[in-house]
Amino acid sequence: MKANIQIQSNPFIANADDIELIVKTHLKASDIKLETIDELDIYYKPYDGSIYYVATTVDGQTFKNVQPLFI
């Protein structure tokens, strides 16, 4: 079973899968290989629709976005 998670907070509506896709697309565009990521923490702020993340690779490197991503 696949759960569909939707976050609703006026005026923003976001799907958890869409948020994850935005972050993974940003990581790929930053030349970070997804298969090297061990842990990925994603933070969505519904009051302004901003997305932040912290990605840690298997060798301990940490990547995060300074500027917010938006849904």
Protein backbone atom coordinates (compact mmCIF):
# COMPACT_ATOMS: atom_id res chain seq x y z
CA MET A 1 0.00 0.00 0.00
CA LYS A 2 1.22 3.48 -0.85
CA ALA A 3 0.01 6.34 1.29
CA ASN A 4 -0.61 9.74 -0.27
CA ILE A 5 0.15 12.52 2.19
CA GLN A 6 -1.13 16.01 1.48
CA ILE A 7 -0.34 19.03 3.65
CA GLN A 8 -3.03 21.69 3.61
CA SER A 9 -2.44 25.11 5.10
CA ASN A 10 -3.97 28.21 3.54
CA PRO A 11 -2.99 29.28 0.98
CA PHE A 12 -0.67 26.34 0.27
CA ILE A 13 -1.47 22.72 -0.54
CA ALA A 14 1.47 20.37 -0.93
CA ASN A 15 1.82 16.67 -1.60
CA ALA A 16 4.65 14.92 0.29
CA ASP A 17 5.75 13.15 -2.91
CA ASP A 18 5.98 16.48 -4.75
CA ILE A 19 8.09 17.97 -1.97
CA GLU A 20 10.43 14.97 -2.08
CA LEU A 21 10.69 15.24 -5.89
CA ILE A 22 11.59 18.95 -5.68
CA VAL A 23 14.38 18.20 -3.19
CA LYS A 24 15.76 15.26 -5.19
CA THR A 25 15.69 17.32 -8.38
CA HIS A 26 17.63 20.08 -6.61
CA LEU A 27 20.19 17.58 -5.32
CA LYS A 28 20.69 16.13 -8.82
CA ALA A 29 21.05 19.64 -10.27
CA SER A 30 23.73 20.26 -7.63
CA ASP A 31 25.65 17.20 -8.93
CA ILE A 32 24.93 15.13 -5.82
CA LYS A 33 24.27 11.48 -6.63
CA LEU A 34 21.14 10.24 -4.88
CA GLU A 35 22.60 6.76 -4.40
CA THR A 36 25.32 8.27 -2.17
CA ILE A 37 22.78 9.76 0.25
CA ASP A 38 22.38 7.87 3.51
CA GLU A 39 19.92 10.21 5.23
CA LEU A 40 17.67 12.94 3.87
CA ASP A 41 15.76 15.27 6.19
CA ILE A 42 13.18 17.51 4.53
CA TYR A 43 11.50 20.48 6.21
CA TYR A 44 8.37 22.06 4.73
CA LYS A 45 7.13 25.36 6.13
CA PRO A 46 3.46 25.58 5.15
CA TYR A 47 3.01 29.21 6.13
CA ASP A 48 5.14 30.36 3.20
CA GLY A 49 5.51 27.17 1.13
CA SER A 50 9.28 26.96 1.59
CA ILE A 51 11.28 23.74 1.59
CA TYR A 52 14.64 23.10 3.23
CA TYR A 53 16.67 19.91 3.41
CA VAL A 54 19.78 18.36 4.93
CA ALA A 55 21.30 15.42 3.08
CA THR A 56 24.04 13.29 4.61
CA THR A 57 26.05 10.95 2.41
CA VAL A 58 27.38 7.53 3.36
CA ASP A 59 30.85 9.04 3.77
CA GLY A 60 29.57 11.70 6.18
CA GLN A 61 29.37 14.75 3.91
CA THR A 62 26.44 17.08 4.57
CA PHE A 63 24.59 19.13 1.98
CA LYS A 64 21.78 21.59 2.57
CA ASN A 65 20.06 24.38 0.75
CA VAL A 66 20.64 27.94 1.94
CA GLN A 67 17.96 29.48 -0.21
CA PRO A 68 14.50 27.95 0.18
CA LEU A 69 12.91 25.82 -2.50
CA PHE A 70 9.23 26.41 -3.19
CA ILE A 71 6.36 24.16 -4.11
